[in-house]
Amino acid sequence: MAVRGPLTRLDESAGRALIGVGPAWLTELGADLGHAHVAVPVLLVAAGYAVWRGRRVRALYAGLAMVLVPALVVPLKLLLDRPGPLTAATGYYPSGHTATALVAYCGAALLVHRRALLPVAVVLTAATGAGLVLRGYHWPLDVAGSALLFTGLALLAGSVRRRRRSGRAPGSR
């Protein structure tokens, strides 16, 4: 549905209306927050802190989550082959920059201080998505699809982890 159909037309119409809205320097800054060379070092510093605090397994899981970003996003981009807003080139759905920002910033927040930093991580991820759309790098659904995919995977992983810690097998009551 995100590649063809009525939702796509609405998405592209909204995307065209949003391109160029806002100060260019600010929207570009938001989009840049999703670059791997910006977001991944944040996660690496948080993982180093977690290791120093004796949370090696959590740091490992955060690193594995970041490895999953290209492992999941690249095949989906190739499979869905969606064109971008300002180009005929394809491979724009889902947004890898949004996924990178979400995993790096939320992972870092969870490793360092969930209660204090998770709201900051959500704002940074939202700024990334907004910047990508407002600069014309992605359609709104590219960003939303990526955020939903990786948030859903994180919730599923957390649910499985909680069930294993409580001694129940996944899927049992």
N, C-alpha and C. Protein backbone atom coordinates (compact mmCIF):
# COMPACT_ATOMS: atom_id res chain seq x y z
N MET A 1 0.81 -1.20 0.00
CA MET A 1 0.00 0.00 0.00
C MET A 1 0.86 1.27 0.00
N ALA A 2 2.04 1.20 0.57
CA ALA A 2 2.89 2.38 0.63
C ALA A 2 3.58 2.65 -0.70
N VAL A 3 3.51 1.71 -1.61
CA VAL A 3 4.20 1.86 -2.89
C VAL A 3 3.22 2.18 -4.01
N ARG A 4 2.03 1.58 -3.98
CA ARG A 4 1.02 1.81 -5.01
C ARG A 4 -0.37 1.87 -4.39
N GLY A 5 -1.23 2.70 -4.94
CA GLY A 5 -2.62 2.74 -4.47
C GLY A 5 -3.03 4.09 -3.95
N PRO A 6 -4.25 4.16 -3.39
CA PRO A 6 -4.80 5.45 -2.94
C PRO A 6 -4.00 6.09 -1.81
N LEU A 7 -3.44 5.29 -0.93
CA LEU A 7 -2.63 5.84 0.16
C LEU A 7 -1.37 6.50 -0.40
N THR A 8 -0.82 5.92 -1.44
CA THR A 8 0.37 6.48 -2.08
C THR A 8 0.08 7.85 -2.67
N ARG A 9 -1.05 7.97 -3.33
CA ARG A 9 -1.40 9.27 -3.92
C ARG A 9 -1.55 10.34 -2.84
N LEU A 10 -2.20 10.00 -1.75
CA LEU A 10 -2.36 10.94 -0.64
C LEU A 10 -0.99 11.29 -0.04
N ASP A 11 -0.15 10.28 0.15
CA ASP A 11 1.19 10.47 0.69
C ASP A 11 2.01 11.40 -0.19
N GLU A 12 1.99 11.16 -1.49
CA GLU A 12 2.78 11.98 -2.41
C GLU A 12 2.23 13.40 -2.51
N SER A 13 0.94 13.55 -2.43
CA SER A 13 0.33 14.89 -2.44
C SER A 13 0.75 15.67 -1.20
N ALA A 14 0.67 15.02 -0.04
CA ALA A 14 1.08 15.67 1.21
C ALA A 14 2.57 15.96 1.18
N GLY A 15 3.35 15.01 0.69
CA GLY A 15 4.80 15.20 0.62
C GLY A 15 5.19 16.38 -0.25
N ARG A 16 4.55 16.50 -1.42
CA ARG A 16 4.85 17.64 -2.30
C ARG A 16 4.51 18.97 -1.63
N ALA A 17 3.43 18.99 -0.87
CA ALA A 17 3.02 20.22 -0.18
C ALA A 17 4.00 20.59 0.94
N LEU A 18 4.67 19.59 1.50
CA LEU A 18 5.58 19.84 2.63
C LEU A 18 7.01 20.17 2.22
N ILE A 19 7.41 19.77 1.03
CA ILE A 19 8.79 20.01 0.59
C ILE A 19 9.08 21.50 0.59
N GLY A 20 10.15 21.88 1.25
CA GLY A 20 10.57 23.27 1.29
C GLY A 20 9.99 24.08 2.43
N VAL A 21 9.09 23.48 3.22
CA VAL A 21 8.51 24.20 4.36
C VAL A 21 9.55 24.29 5.47
N GLY A 22 9.65 25.43 6.09
CA GLY A 22 10.57 25.61 7.21
C GLY A 22 11.93 26.11 6.78
N PRO A 23 12.70 26.60 7.75
CA PRO A 23 14.04 27.10 7.44
C PRO A 23 14.93 25.96 6.94
N ALA A 24 15.59 26.17 5.83
CA ALA A 24 16.42 25.12 5.21
C ALA A 24 17.50 24.62 6.16
N TRP A 25 18.16 25.51 6.89
CA TRP A 25 19.23 25.09 7.78
C TRP A 25 18.71 24.16 8.87
N LEU A 26 17.50 24.43 9.37
CA LEU A 26 16.93 23.63 10.45
C LEU A 26 16.44 22.27 9.94
N THR A 27 15.78 22.28 8.78
CA THR A 27 15.29 21.01 8.25
C THR A 27 16.45 20.13 7.79
N GLU A 28 17.51 20.74 7.28
CA GLU A 28 18.70 19.97 6.90
C GLU A 28 19.38 19.38 8.14
N LEU A 29 19.43 20.16 9.22
CA LEU A 29 19.99 19.66 10.47
C LEU A 29 19.19 18.45 10.95
N GLY A 30 17.87 18.54 10.89
CA GLY A 30 17.03 17.41 11.27
C GLY A 30 17.32 16.18 10.43
N ALA A 31 17.37 16.37 9.11
CA ALA A 31 17.65 15.24 8.22
C ALA A 31 19.02 14.63 8.51
N ASP A 32 19.99 15.48 8.81
CA ASP A 32 21.35 15.00 9.07
C ASP A 32 21.45 14.14 10.32
N LEU A 33 20.52 14.29 11.25
CA LEU A 33 20.55 13.49 12.48
C LEU A 33 20.40 11.99 12.19
N GLY A 34 19.89 11.65 11.02
CA GLY A 34 19.71 10.24 10.66
C GLY A 34 20.89 9.62 9.95
N HIS A 35 21.93 10.41 9.65
CA HIS A 35 23.12 9.85 9.02
C HIS A 35 23.83 8.92 9.99
N ALA A 36 24.34 7.82 9.48
CA ALA A 36 25.06 6.86 10.33
C ALA A 36 26.26 7.51 11.02
N HIS A 37 26.95 8.41 10.33
CA HIS A 37 28.13 9.03 10.94
C HIS A 37 27.78 10.03 12.05
N VAL A 38 26.50 10.36 12.20
CA VAL A 38 26.05 11.20 13.30
C VAL A 38 25.44 10.34 14.40
N ALA A 39 24.52 9.45 14.04
CA ALA A 39 23.76 8.69 15.02
C ALA A 39 24.52 7.52 15.64
N VAL A 40 25.27 6.79 14.83
CA VAL A 40 25.96 5.60 15.35
C VAL A 40 26.98 5.95 16.43
N PRO A 41 27.77 7.02 16.30
CA PRO A 41 28.69 7.35 17.40
C PRO A 41 27.97 7.62 18.73
N VAL A 42 26.76 8.17 18.66
CA VAL A 42 25.98 8.39 19.89
C VAL A 42 25.70 7.04 20.55
N LEU A 43 25.28 6.07 19.75
CA LEU A 43 25.01 4.73 20.29
C LEU A 43 26.30 4.08 20.80
N LEU A 44 27.40 4.26 20.09
CA LEU A 44 28.67 3.67 20.53
C LEU A 44 29.13 4.24 21.88
N VAL A 45 28.97 5.53 22.07
CA VAL A 45 29.34 6.13 23.35
C VAL A 45 28.45 5.58 24.46
N ALA A 46 27.15 5.49 24.19
CA ALA A 46 26.22 4.93 25.19
C ALA A 46 26.53 3.47 25.47
N ALA A 47 26.89 2.72 24.45
CA ALA A 47 27.24 1.31 24.64
C ALA A 47 28.52 1.19 25.47
N GLY A 48 29.49 2.05 25.21
CA GLY A 48 30.70 2.07 26.02
C GLY A 48 30.39 2.36 27.48
N TYR A 49 29.51 3.32 27.71
CA TYR A 49 29.08 3.64 29.07
C TYR A 49 28.41 2.43 29.72
N ALA A 50 27.54 1.75 28.95
CA ALA A 50 26.84 0.58 29.48
C ALA A 50 27.81 -0.53 29.83
N VAL A 51 28.80 -0.75 28.99
CA VAL A 51 29.82 -1.77 29.28
C VAL A 51 30.57 -1.40 30.55
N TRP A 52 30.95 -0.14 30.66
CA TRP A 52 31.66 0.34 31.85
C TRP A 52 30.83 0.13 33.12
N ARG A 53 29.50 0.25 32.99
CA ARG A 53 28.58 0.07 34.12
C ARG A 53 28.21 -1.40 34.34
N GLY A 54 28.79 -2.31 33.54
CA GLY A 54 28.53 -3.73 33.71
C GLY A 54 27.31 -4.25 32.96
N ARG A 55 26.82 -3.48 32.02
CA ARG A 55 25.63 -3.87 31.24
C ARG A 55 26.06 -4.33 29.85
N ARG A 56 26.91 -5.31 29.80
CA ARG A 56 27.47 -5.78 28.52
C ARG A 56 26.42 -6.37 27.59
N VAL A 57 25.51 -7.15 28.14
CA VAL A 57 24.49 -7.79 27.30
C VAL A 57 23.59 -6.75 26.66
N ARG A 58 23.18 -5.75 27.43
CA ARG A 58 22.35 -4.67 26.88
C ARG A 58 23.09 -3.93 25.76
N ALA A 59 24.35 -3.67 25.98
CA ALA A 59 25.15 -2.99 24.95
C ALA A 59 25.24 -3.84 23.70
N LEU A 60 25.41 -5.14 23.88
CA LEU A 60 25.46 -6.06 22.74
C LEU A 60 24.14 -6.04 21.97
N TYR A 61 23.02 -6.08 22.69
CA TYR A 61 21.71 -6.04 22.03
C TYR A 61 21.50 -4.74 21.25
N ALA A 62 21.96 -3.64 21.82
CA ALA A 62 21.83 -2.36 21.12
C ALA A 62 22.66 -2.37 19.84
N GLY A 63 23.85 -2.92 19.91
CA GLY A 63 24.69 -3.03 18.72
C GLY A 63 24.07 -3.94 17.67
N LEU A 64 23.49 -5.06 18.11
CA LEU A 64 22.82 -5.96 17.17
C LEU A 64 21.60 -5.30 16.53
N ALA A 65 20.90 -4.48 17.30
CA ALA A 65 19.75 -3.76 16.75
C ALA A 65 20.20 -2.82 15.63
N MET A 66 21.35 -2.17 15.82
CA MET A 66 21.85 -1.27 14.78
C MET A 66 22.26 -2.06 13.54
N VAL A 67 22.82 -3.24 13.73
CA VAL A 67 23.20 -4.09 12.59
C VAL A 67 21.95 -4.52 11.82
N LEU A 68 20.84 -4.69 12.52
CA LEU A 68 19.59 -5.08 11.86
C LEU A 68 19.04 -3.99 10.94
N VAL A 69 19.40 -2.74 11.19
CA VAL A 69 18.85 -1.65 10.36
C VAL A 69 19.14 -1.89 8.88
N PRO A 70 20.39 -1.96 8.45
CA PRO A 70 20.61 -2.19 7.02
C PRO A 70 20.18 -3.59 6.59
N ALA A 71 20.28 -4.56 7.51
CA ALA A 71 19.90 -5.93 7.16
C ALA A 71 18.41 -6.04 6.82
N LEU A 72 17.58 -5.20 7.41
CA LEU A 72 16.15 -5.20 7.11
C LEU A 72 15.77 -4.15 6.07
N VAL A 73 16.35 -2.97 6.19
CA VAL A 73 15.95 -1.86 5.31
C VAL A 73 16.37 -2.09 3.86
N VAL A 74 17.59 -2.51 3.64
CA VAL A 74 18.08 -2.65 2.26
C VAL A 74 17.25 -3.66 1.45
N PRO A 75 16.98 -4.86 1.97
CA PRO A 75 16.14 -5.78 1.18
C PRO A 75 14.73 -5.23 0.93
N LEU A 76 14.16 -4.53 1.92
CA LEU A 76 12.83 -3.95 1.72
C LEU A 76 12.86 -2.87 0.64
N LYS A 77 13.90 -2.04 0.64
CA LYS A 77 14.03 -1.01 -0.39
C LYS A 77 14.12 -1.65 -1.78
N LEU A 78 14.89 -2.72 -1.89
CA LEU A 78 15.03 -3.40 -3.18
C LEU A 78 13.73 -4.08 -3.60
N LEU A 79 13.04 -4.68 -2.65
CA LEU A 79 11.79 -5.37 -2.94
C LEU A 79 10.67 -4.40 -3.34
N LEU A 80 10.54 -3.31 -2.62
CA LEU A 80 9.43 -2.39 -2.85
C LEU A 80 9.71 -1.38 -3.96
N ASP A 81 10.97 -0.99 -4.14
CA ASP A 81 11.39 -0.20 -5.29
C ASP A 81 10.60 1.10 -5.46
N ARG A 82 10.36 1.82 -4.38
CA ARG A 82 9.58 3.06 -4.44
C ARG A 82 10.44 4.24 -4.87
N PRO A 83 9.95 5.05 -5.82
CA PRO A 83 10.70 6.25 -6.22
C PRO A 83 10.65 7.32 -5.13
N GLY A 84 11.67 8.17 -5.14
CA GLY A 84 11.75 9.25 -4.17
C GLY A 84 11.00 10.48 -4.62
N PRO A 85 10.85 11.47 -3.74
CA PRO A 85 10.08 12.68 -4.05
C PRO A 85 10.65 13.53 -5.19
N LEU A 86 11.94 13.74 -5.22
CA LEU A 86 12.51 14.67 -6.19
C LEU A 86 13.40 13.96 -7.21
N THR A 87 13.16 12.67 -7.42
CA THR A 87 14.02 11.89 -8.30
C THR A 87 13.23 10.72 -8.89
N ALA A 88 13.71 10.22 -9.99
CA ALA A 88 13.12 9.00 -10.56
C ALA A 88 13.80 7.76 -9.98
N ALA A 89 14.88 7.96 -9.25
CA ALA A 89 15.57 6.84 -8.62
C ALA A 89 14.63 6.16 -7.63
N THR A 90 14.87 4.87 -7.41
CA THR A 90 13.98 4.11 -6.53
C THR A 90 14.74 3.61 -5.30
N GLY A 91 14.00 2.99 -4.39
CA GLY A 91 14.60 2.44 -3.18
C GLY A 91 14.47 3.39 -2.00
N TYR A 92 13.34 4.05 -1.89
CA TYR A 92 13.17 5.05 -0.84
C TYR A 92 12.31 4.57 0.33
N TYR A 93 11.65 3.44 0.18
CA TYR A 93 10.79 2.94 1.26
C TYR A 93 11.33 1.62 1.77
N PRO A 94 11.55 1.52 3.08
CA PRO A 94 11.41 2.49 4.16
C PRO A 94 12.67 3.35 4.30
N SER A 95 12.57 4.38 5.10
CA SER A 95 13.69 5.31 5.29
C SER A 95 14.75 4.72 6.21
N GLY A 96 15.93 4.51 5.67
CA GLY A 96 17.04 4.01 6.47
C GLY A 96 17.53 5.04 7.48
N HIS A 97 17.46 6.32 7.11
CA HIS A 97 17.89 7.37 8.03
C HIS A 97 16.98 7.43 9.26
N THR A 98 15.68 7.25 9.04
CA THR A 98 14.75 7.25 10.18
C THR A 98 15.03 6.06 11.07
N ALA A 99 15.22 4.89 10.47
CA ALA A 99 15.52 3.69 11.26
C ALA A 99 16.82 3.85 12.03
N THR A 100 17.83 4.41 11.39
CA THR A 100 19.12 4.62 12.06
C THR A 100 18.95 5.55 13.26
N ALA A 101 18.23 6.65 13.05
CA ALA A 101 18.01 7.60 14.15
C ALA A 101 17.25 6.94 15.29
N LEU A 102 16.18 6.24 14.97
CA LEU A 102 15.35 5.61 16.00
C LEU A 102 16.15 4.61 16.82
N VAL A 103 16.86 3.73 16.15
CA VAL A 103 17.62 2.69 16.85
C VAL A 103 18.78 3.31 17.64
N ALA A 104 19.50 4.23 17.04
CA ALA A 104 20.67 4.82 17.72
C ALA A 104 20.26 5.66 18.92
N TYR A 105 19.34 6.60 18.73
CA TYR A 105 19.00 7.51 19.82
C TYR A 105 18.18 6.84 20.91
N CYS A 106 17.21 6.02 20.52
CA CYS A 106 16.42 5.32 21.54
C CYS A 106 17.26 4.26 22.23
N GLY A 107 18.11 3.58 21.47
CA GLY A 107 19.01 2.61 22.09
C GLY A 107 19.95 3.27 23.08
N ALA A 108 20.51 4.40 22.71
CA ALA A 108 21.40 5.13 23.61
C ALA A 108 20.66 5.56 24.87
N ALA A 109 19.44 6.05 24.71
CA ALA A 109 18.65 6.48 25.87
C ALA A 109 18.38 5.30 26.81
N LEU A 110 18.05 4.16 26.23
CA LEU A 110 17.77 2.99 27.06
C LEU A 110 19.03 2.49 27.78
N LEU A 111 20.17 2.67 27.17
CA LEU A 111 21.43 2.23 27.80
C LEU A 111 21.91 3.17 28.91
N VAL A 112 21.61 4.45 28.78
CA VAL A 112 22.16 5.43 29.72
C VAL A 112 21.16 5.79 30.81
N HIS A 113 20.00 6.31 30.46
CA HIS A 113 18.99 6.70 31.46
C HIS A 113 17.64 6.84 30.76
N ARG A 114 16.90 5.74 30.76
CA ARG A 114 15.65 5.66 30.00
C ARG A 114 14.70 6.81 30.32
N ARG A 115 14.42 7.03 31.57
CA ARG A 115 13.40 8.01 31.96
C ARG A 115 13.76 9.42 31.52
N ALA A 116 15.00 9.80 31.66
CA ALA A 116 15.42 11.16 31.32
C ALA A 116 15.67 11.34 29.83
N LEU A 117 16.23 10.33 29.16
CA LEU A 117 16.70 10.53 27.79
C LEU A 117 15.77 10.00 26.70
N LEU A 118 14.83 9.14 27.03
CA LEU A 118 13.95 8.62 25.99
C LEU A 118 13.12 9.73 25.32
N PRO A 119 12.60 10.70 26.07
CA PRO A 119 11.90 11.80 25.39
C PRO A 119 12.81 12.58 24.43
N VAL A 120 14.06 12.75 24.81
CA VAL A 120 15.03 13.43 23.93
C VAL A 120 15.25 12.60 22.66
N ALA A 121 15.36 11.30 22.83
CA ALA A 121 15.56 10.40 21.69
C ALA A 121 14.37 10.45 20.74
N VAL A 122 13.18 10.51 21.28
CA VAL A 122 11.97 10.58 20.45
C VAL A 122 11.96 11.90 19.67
N VAL A 123 12.34 12.99 20.32
CA VAL A 123 12.38 14.29 19.64
C VAL A 123 13.44 14.27 18.52
N LEU A 124 14.60 13.70 18.78
CA LEU A 124 15.64 13.62 17.75
C LEU A 124 15.19 12.77 16.56
N THR A 125 14.51 11.67 16.84
CA THR A 125 14.01 10.81 15.77
C THR A 125 12.91 11.52 14.97
N ALA A 126 12.02 12.22 15.67
CA ALA A 126 10.96 12.98 14.98
C ALA A 126 11.57 14.10 14.15
N ALA A 127 12.60 14.76 14.67
CA ALA A 127 13.27 15.82 13.91
C ALA A 127 13.92 15.26 12.65
N THR A 128 14.47 14.06 12.77
CA THR A 128 15.05 13.40 11.59
C THR A 128 13.99 13.16 10.53
N GLY A 129 12.89 12.54 10.93
CA GLY A 129 11.81 12.25 9.98
C GLY A 129 11.24 13.52 9.36
N ALA A 130 11.02 14.53 10.18
CA ALA A 130 10.49 15.79 9.65
C ALA A 130 11.46 16.42 8.66
N GLY A 131 12.73 16.43 9.03
CA GLY A 131 13.74 17.00 8.14
C GLY A 131 13.81 16.27 6.81
N LEU A 132 13.73 14.94 6.84
CA LEU A 132 13.78 14.15 5.61
C LEU A 132 12.62 14.48 4.68
N VAL A 133 11.43 14.67 5.24
CA VAL A 133 10.25 14.99 4.43
C VAL A 133 10.32 16.44 3.96
N LEU A 134 10.63 17.36 4.85
CA LEU A 134 10.63 18.79 4.50
C LEU A 134 11.74 19.14 3.51
N ARG A 135 12.82 18.39 3.50
CA ARG A 135 13.89 18.62 2.53
C ARG A 135 13.62 17.91 1.21
N GLY A 136 12.61 17.03 1.17
CA GLY A 136 12.28 16.32 -0.06
C GLY A 136 13.12 15.08 -0.28
N TYR A 137 13.72 14.55 0.79
CA TYR A 137 14.53 13.33 0.67
C TYR A 137 13.67 12.07 0.74
N HIS A 138 12.51 12.16 1.41
CA HIS A 138 11.61 11.02 1.58
C HIS A 138 10.17 11.48 1.57
N TRP A 139 9.29 10.56 1.20
CA TRP A 139 7.85 10.77 1.35
C TRP A 139 7.49 10.55 2.81
N PRO A 140 6.38 11.12 3.28
CA PRO A 140 5.98 10.89 4.68
C PRO A 140 5.83 9.41 5.04
N LEU A 141 5.27 8.60 4.14
CA LEU A 141 5.10 7.18 4.45
C LEU A 141 6.43 6.42 4.53
N ASP A 142 7.45 6.89 3.84
CA ASP A 142 8.78 6.27 3.96
C ASP A 142 9.25 6.36 5.41
N VAL A 143 9.04 7.53 5.98
CA VAL A 143 9.46 7.81 7.36
C VAL A 143 8.56 7.06 8.34
N ALA A 144 7.25 7.15 8.15
CA ALA A 144 6.31 6.50 9.06
C ALA A 144 6.48 4.98 9.03
N GLY A 145 6.64 4.42 7.84
CA GLY A 145 6.82 2.98 7.73
C GLY A 145 8.05 2.49 8.46
N SER A 146 9.13 3.22 8.33
CA SER A 146 10.38 2.85 9.01
C SER A 146 10.22 2.95 10.52
N ALA A 147 9.61 4.03 10.98
CA ALA A 147 9.41 4.22 12.43
C ALA A 147 8.52 3.12 12.99
N LEU A 148 7.45 2.78 12.28
CA LEU A 148 6.56 1.72 12.75
C LEU A 148 7.24 0.36 12.74
N LEU A 149 7.99 0.07 11.70
CA LEU A 149 8.68 -1.21 11.61
C LEU A 149 9.64 -1.40 12.79
N PHE A 150 10.49 -0.43 13.04
CA PHE A 150 11.51 -0.60 14.08
C PHE A 150 10.96 -0.42 15.48
N THR A 151 9.92 0.39 15.65
CA THR A 151 9.27 0.49 16.96
C THR A 151 8.57 -0.83 17.26
N GLY A 152 7.90 -1.39 16.27
CA GLY A 152 7.23 -2.67 16.45
C GLY A 152 8.20 -3.79 16.79
N LEU A 153 9.33 -3.82 16.11
CA LEU A 153 10.34 -4.84 16.42
C LEU A 153 10.90 -4.66 17.83
N ALA A 154 11.09 -3.42 18.25
CA ALA A 154 11.61 -3.16 19.59
C ALA A 154 10.59 -3.60 20.65
N LEU A 155 9.33 -3.32 20.42
CA LEU A 155 8.30 -3.73 21.37
C LEU A 155 8.19 -5.25 21.44
N LEU A 156 8.28 -5.91 20.30
CA LEU A 156 8.24 -7.37 20.26
C LEU A 156 9.44 -7.96 21.02
N ALA A 157 10.63 -7.42 20.77
CA ALA A 157 11.83 -7.91 21.46
C ALA A 157 11.72 -7.69 22.97
N GLY A 158 11.20 -6.55 23.37
CA GLY A 158 11.02 -6.27 24.80
C GLY A 158 10.02 -7.21 25.44
N SER A 159 8.97 -7.54 24.72
CA SER A 159 7.96 -8.46 25.22
C SER A 159 8.54 -9.86 25.40
N VAL A 160 9.31 -10.33 24.42
CA VAL A 160 9.93 -11.64 24.52
C VAL A 160 10.92 -11.67 25.68
N ARG A 161 11.68 -10.61 25.83
CA ARG A 161 12.68 -10.53 26.91
C ARG A 161 12.01 -10.56 28.28
N ARG A 162 10.90 -9.81 28.44
CA ARG A 162 10.18 -9.81 29.72
C ARG A 162 9.61 -11.19 30.03
N ARG A 163 9.07 -11.87 29.01
CA ARG A 163 8.51 -13.20 29.23
C ARG A 163 9.59 -14.20 29.62
N ARG A 164 10.74 -14.10 29.00
CA ARG A 164 11.84 -15.02 29.34
C ARG A 164 12.33 -14.77 30.76
N ARG A 165 12.40 -13.50 31.15
CA ARG A 165 12.84 -13.18 32.52
C ARG A 165 11.85 -13.66 33.55
N SER A 166 10.54 -13.63 33.21
CA SER A 166 9.52 -14.06 34.17
C SER A 166 9.39 -15.58 34.20
N GLY A 167 10.11 -16.27 33.31
CA GLY A 167 10.08 -17.73 33.32
C GLY A 167 9.03 -18.35 32.43
N ARG A 168 8.25 -17.52 31.74
CA ARG A 168 7.22 -18.05 30.85
C ARG A 168 7.78 -18.15 29.44
N ALA A 169 7.35 -19.14 28.73
CA ALA A 169 7.74 -19.29 27.34
C ALA A 169 6.93 -18.33 26.50
N PRO A 170 7.52 -17.76 25.44
CA PRO A 170 6.75 -16.89 24.55
C PRO A 170 5.53 -17.62 24.00
N GLY A 171 4.39 -16.96 24.02
CA GLY A 171 3.16 -17.54 23.48
C GLY A 171 2.35 -18.29 24.53
N SER A 172 2.89 -18.51 25.75
CA SER A 172 2.12 -19.20 26.78
C SER A 172 1.46 -18.17 27.68
N ARG A 173 0.46 -18.61 28.42
CA ARG A 173 -0.24 -17.70 29.32
C ARG A 173 0.13 -17.95 30.74
